[in-house]
Amino acid sequence: KILRHFEKKCDSRKISTNAPNTHTNTNIMWPIDEEQFLRLHSNYEVSVPGDSVWEKLYDHDGHTIYRRPIEGKSFYCLLARGVFPVNNKTLNDVLYDHEYRLKWDEYSLEIKQLERKSAELDILRWVSKFPWPMSNRDYVFSRTRKQIDEEKTIMLFEATEHPSAPETKDNVRVTEFTQYFLTKKLTEESAEYFMICGYDLKGNIPSLVMNWAIGKGIPSFLSKLLQACQSYTKEKK
């Protein structure tokens, strides 16, 4: 039933027949669908976003993050890309392994699989620690993963509801959330990632928190993700 729901959602998302252009296109239809995501990846695979709508937030050690406003929404679309010196399958598995994430990501307070619908689709609840003075956020979302070709794998995480995870007073529920993640094999020991996401955190993010995220939060997360990839094979033995 949920798979049919996603098929209908994708069918209902009408997108332009013209491929996005890094210098002239300023429209991103939200929620983004898989076809548009793959077009954006194809356009931005070689060059970075070139139109003035994209604001660069982070650029260091081969990792770049941009944001742009979404028409009709109060939150931003984020685009991240970079390369890790690890095997593509390892990177993909680490990003998808919710139990392992609790071991390496200190900001993931709780991740629980609520229901497994099929080998390709399950539903989870995730509680994320936010820095003071913001309240922690929790997400109930579906996730799917599929192989595009021999080199690329795509993942979709999207907000949903589940009867076993009602909203509580302890956290702020993020009810609008879509994230696409693509990993691509470059060599046997290097992989590219490309991510686009948008989520309504329900509240203004203080400049203090944003400065912390750009200056310390993002570098720390990328470093821990790399360490987690390097330790993953040993952890799973």
Protein backbone atom coordinates (compact mmCIF):
# COMPACT_ATOMS: atom_id res chain seq x y z
CA LYS A 1 0.00 0.00 0.00
CA ILE A 2 2.79 2.41 0.90
CA LEU A 3 4.71 1.50 -2.26
CA ARG A 4 1.62 2.38 -4.29
CA HIS A 5 1.39 5.64 -2.33
CA PHE A 6 4.93 6.61 -3.38
CA GLU A 7 4.29 5.62 -6.98
CA LYS A 8 1.24 7.88 -7.05
CA LYS A 9 3.19 10.74 -5.44
CA CYS A 10 5.94 10.46 -8.05
CA ASP A 11 3.39 10.31 -10.85
CA SER A 12 1.69 13.44 -9.52
CA ARG A 13 4.88 15.52 -9.41
CA LYS A 14 5.03 17.23 -12.80
CA ILE A 15 8.47 18.50 -13.72
CA SER A 16 9.88 20.49 -16.60
CA THR A 17 10.90 18.58 -19.71
CA ASN A 18 13.97 20.81 -19.94
CA ALA A 19 17.03 19.72 -17.99
CA PRO A 20 18.02 22.21 -15.27
CA ASN A 21 20.81 24.56 -16.29
CA THR A 22 23.40 25.49 -13.68
CA HIS A 23 23.47 29.11 -14.84
CA THR A 24 19.91 29.92 -15.86
CA ASN A 25 17.48 27.58 -14.08
CA THR A 26 16.11 28.98 -10.83
CA ASN A 27 13.14 26.65 -10.26
CA ILE A 28 13.11 23.59 -8.06
CA MET A 29 9.71 21.99 -7.70
CA TRP A 30 9.12 20.71 -4.19
CA PRO A 31 8.89 18.01 -3.10
CA ILE A 32 11.56 17.01 -5.58
CA ASP A 33 11.14 13.70 -7.39
CA GLU A 34 13.71 11.12 -8.44
CA GLU A 35 13.87 12.22 -12.06
CA GLN A 36 14.60 15.83 -11.17
CA PHE A 37 17.14 14.74 -8.55
CA LEU A 38 19.04 12.66 -11.11
CA ARG A 39 18.94 15.54 -13.59
CA LEU A 40 20.41 17.87 -11.00
CA HIS A 41 23.12 15.33 -10.22
CA SER A 42 23.94 15.03 -13.91
CA ASN A 43 24.16 18.83 -14.30
CA TYR A 44 26.18 19.40 -11.15
CA GLU A 45 28.41 16.35 -11.46
CA VAL A 46 31.18 18.31 -13.19
CA SER A 47 30.43 21.94 -12.31
CA VAL A 48 29.06 23.52 -9.17
CA PRO A 49 25.75 25.43 -9.16
CA GLY A 50 26.42 28.61 -11.06
CA ASP A 51 23.25 30.66 -10.71
CA SER A 52 23.03 33.38 -8.10
CA VAL A 53 20.20 31.66 -6.23
CA TRP A 54 22.57 29.14 -4.68
CA GLU A 55 24.39 30.35 -1.56
CA LYS A 56 27.59 28.52 -0.66
CA LEU A 57 27.65 27.59 3.03
CA TYR A 58 30.68 25.33 3.24
CA ASP A 59 33.68 24.48 1.06
CA HIS A 60 36.55 22.50 2.55
CA ASP A 61 38.56 19.34 1.86
CA GLY A 62 36.56 18.46 -1.23
CA HIS A 63 33.14 18.89 0.40
CA THR A 64 30.76 21.70 -0.60
CA ILE A 65 27.31 22.61 0.69
CA TYR A 66 24.88 25.10 -0.85
CA ARG A 67 21.39 26.29 -0.04
CA ARG A 68 18.65 28.07 -1.95
CA PRO A 69 15.11 29.20 -1.08
CA ILE A 70 12.16 27.11 -2.19
CA GLU A 71 9.26 29.04 -3.68
CA GLY A 72 6.26 28.98 -1.34
CA LYS A 73 8.22 27.42 1.54
CA SER A 74 9.78 28.86 4.67
CA PHE A 75 12.79 26.54 4.54
CA TYR A 76 15.73 26.00 2.20
CA CYS A 77 16.79 23.34 -0.25
CA LEU A 78 20.27 22.08 0.64
CA LEU A 79 22.72 20.58 -1.84
CA ALA A 80 25.85 18.77 -0.67
CA ARG A 81 28.53 16.97 -2.63
CA GLY A 82 31.94 15.55 -1.96
CA VAL A 83 34.30 12.59 -2.12
CA PHE A 84 35.35 10.12 0.56
CA PRO A 85 38.44 7.88 0.32
CA VAL A 86 36.39 4.76 1.03
CA ASN A 87 34.71 1.97 -0.91
CA ASN A 88 31.35 3.01 -2.39
CA LYS A 89 29.44 0.06 -0.91
CA THR A 90 30.88 0.83 2.52
CA LEU A 91 29.82 4.48 2.31
CA ASN A 92 26.35 3.48 1.17
CA ASP A 93 25.93 0.88 3.90
CA VAL A 94 27.13 3.22 6.65
CA LEU A 95 24.64 5.89 5.55
CA TYR A 96 21.84 3.30 5.56
CA ASP A 97 22.69 1.34 8.71
CA HIS A 98 20.58 3.05 11.38
CA GLU A 99 21.79 0.79 14.21
CA TYR A 100 25.42 1.52 13.44
CA ARG A 101 24.72 5.26 13.29
CA LEU A 102 23.88 5.28 16.98
CA LYS A 103 27.47 4.23 17.63
CA TRP A 104 29.21 7.01 15.73
CA ASP A 105 26.78 9.95 15.58
CA GLU A 106 26.45 11.59 18.98
CA TYR A 107 23.51 13.69 17.75
CA SER A 108 21.39 10.64 16.97
CA LEU A 109 19.72 9.99 20.30
CA GLU A 110 17.32 7.28 19.14
CA ILE A 111 16.69 5.48 15.85
CA LYS A 112 14.07 2.77 15.77
CA GLN A 113 12.70 0.73 12.91
CA LEU A 114 8.92 0.91 13.28
CA GLU A 115 7.96 -1.34 10.41
CA ARG A 116 9.56 -3.18 7.52
CA LYS A 117 7.27 -3.20 4.52
CA SER A 118 9.58 -4.96 2.10
CA ALA A 119 13.25 -5.46 1.31
CA GLU A 120 13.22 -1.99 -0.29
CA LEU A 121 10.99 -0.06 2.10
CA ASP A 122 10.82 0.47 5.85
CA ILE A 123 9.66 3.14 8.32
CA LEU A 124 11.78 4.56 11.12
CA ARG A 125 11.65 7.09 13.94
CA TRP A 126 14.74 9.19 14.57
CA VAL A 127 15.35 11.57 17.48
CA SER A 128 18.07 14.12 16.76
CA LYS A 129 19.86 16.22 19.35
CA PHE A 130 19.86 19.94 18.57
CA PRO A 131 22.20 22.48 20.15
CA TRP A 132 20.93 24.88 22.79
CA PRO A 133 18.65 26.82 22.75
CA MET A 134 16.70 24.66 20.27
CA SER A 135 14.57 21.68 21.25
CA ASN A 136 15.43 18.23 19.95
CA ARG A 137 13.67 17.15 16.76
CA ASP A 138 12.16 13.83 15.88
CA TYR A 139 11.36 12.41 12.46
CA VAL A 140 9.10 9.60 11.33
CA PHE A 141 10.12 8.73 7.81
CA SER A 142 10.10 6.06 5.14
CA ARG A 143 13.30 5.10 3.39
CA THR A 144 14.02 3.26 0.18
CA ARG A 145 17.25 2.26 -1.52
CA LYS A 146 17.89 1.00 -5.03
CA GLN A 147 20.76 0.39 -7.40
CA ILE A 148 20.73 2.73 -10.41
CA ASP A 149 23.59 0.99 -12.24
CA GLU A 150 26.85 -0.74 -11.39
CA GLU A 151 28.33 2.47 -10.00
CA LYS A 152 25.44 4.40 -8.45
CA THR A 153 22.96 3.81 -5.64
CA ILE A 154 20.14 6.16 -4.68
CA MET A 155 18.37 6.52 -1.34
CA LEU A 156 15.17 8.39 -0.51
CA PHE A 157 14.11 9.46 2.98
CA GLU A 158 10.69 11.09 3.26
CA ALA A 159 8.47 12.18 6.16
CA THR A 160 5.43 10.02 6.85
CA GLU A 161 3.23 8.96 9.77
CA HIS A 162 2.97 5.76 11.78
CA PRO A 163 0.45 4.77 14.47
CA SER A 164 3.16 3.54 16.82
CA ALA A 165 4.96 6.90 16.85
CA PRO A 166 2.57 9.75 17.70
CA GLU A 167 3.92 13.22 18.40
CA THR A 168 5.03 13.89 21.98
CA LYS A 169 5.80 16.96 24.07
CA ASP A 170 9.42 15.89 24.48
CA ASN A 171 10.50 16.74 20.93
CA VAL A 172 9.45 18.87 17.97
CA ARG A 173 8.14 16.63 15.18
CA VAL A 174 9.50 17.42 11.71
CA THR A 175 6.55 16.69 9.44
CA GLU A 176 7.92 18.06 6.16
CA PHE A 177 11.13 16.34 5.17
CA THR A 178 12.53 14.97 1.91
CA GLN A 179 16.09 13.82 1.30
CA TYR A 180 17.70 12.17 -1.71
CA PHE A 181 21.17 10.69 -1.39
CA LEU A 182 23.28 9.27 -4.21
CA THR A 183 26.61 7.51 -3.86
CA LYS A 184 28.82 6.75 -6.86
CA LYS A 185 31.89 4.56 -7.19
CA LEU A 186 34.94 6.46 -8.46
CA THR A 187 37.62 3.85 -7.77
CA GLU A 188 37.80 0.75 -5.60
CA GLU A 189 38.69 2.97 -2.66
CA SER A 190 36.91 6.26 -3.36
CA ALA A 191 33.28 7.30 -3.67
CA GLU A 192 31.33 10.43 -4.47
CA TYR A 193 28.17 11.49 -2.68
CA PHE A 194 25.50 13.91 -3.87
CA MET A 195 22.65 14.95 -1.57
CA ILE A 196 19.63 17.23 -1.86
CA CYS A 197 17.23 17.72 1.01
CA GLY A 198 14.70 20.09 2.51
CA TYR A 199 12.97 20.04 5.85
CA ASP A 200 10.85 22.37 7.93
CA LEU A 201 12.38 22.50 11.41
CA LYS A 202 9.41 24.54 12.66
CA GLY A 203 11.10 27.62 13.98
CA ASN A 204 13.80 30.11 13.13
CA ILE A 205 17.34 28.82 13.46
CA PRO A 206 19.37 31.29 15.58
CA SER A 207 22.44 32.70 13.88
CA LEU A 208 24.50 31.29 16.76
CA VAL A 209 23.37 27.77 15.86
CA MET A 210 23.95 28.31 12.13
CA ASN A 211 27.46 29.62 12.76
CA TRP A 212 28.19 26.61 14.95
CA ALA A 213 26.88 24.20 12.31
CA ILE A 214 29.03 25.69 9.55
CA GLY A 215 32.13 26.21 11.65
CA LYS A 216 32.13 23.03 13.78
CA GLY A 217 29.07 20.85 13.24
CA ILE A 218 29.59 20.02 9.55
CA PRO A 219 33.37 19.38 9.75
CA SER A 220 32.86 17.21 12.83
CA PHE A 221 30.10 15.17 11.18
CA LEU A 222 32.13 14.59 8.00
CA SER A 223 35.16 13.52 10.03
CA LYS A 224 33.10 11.08 12.10
CA LEU A 225 31.38 9.71 9.00
CA LEU A 226 34.79 8.98 7.45
CA GLN A 227 35.96 7.29 10.65
CA ALA A 228 32.75 5.28 10.77
CA CYS A 229 33.32 4.07 7.20
CA GLN A 230 36.89 3.10 7.98
CA SER A 231 35.76 1.08 11.04
CA TYR A 232 32.61 -0.42 9.50
CA THR A 233 34.09 -3.65 8.17
CA LYS A 234 35.67 -4.47 11.52
CA GLU A 235 32.47 -3.61 13.39
CA LYS A 236 30.43 -6.00 11.24
CA LYS A 237 32.77 -8.98 11.60
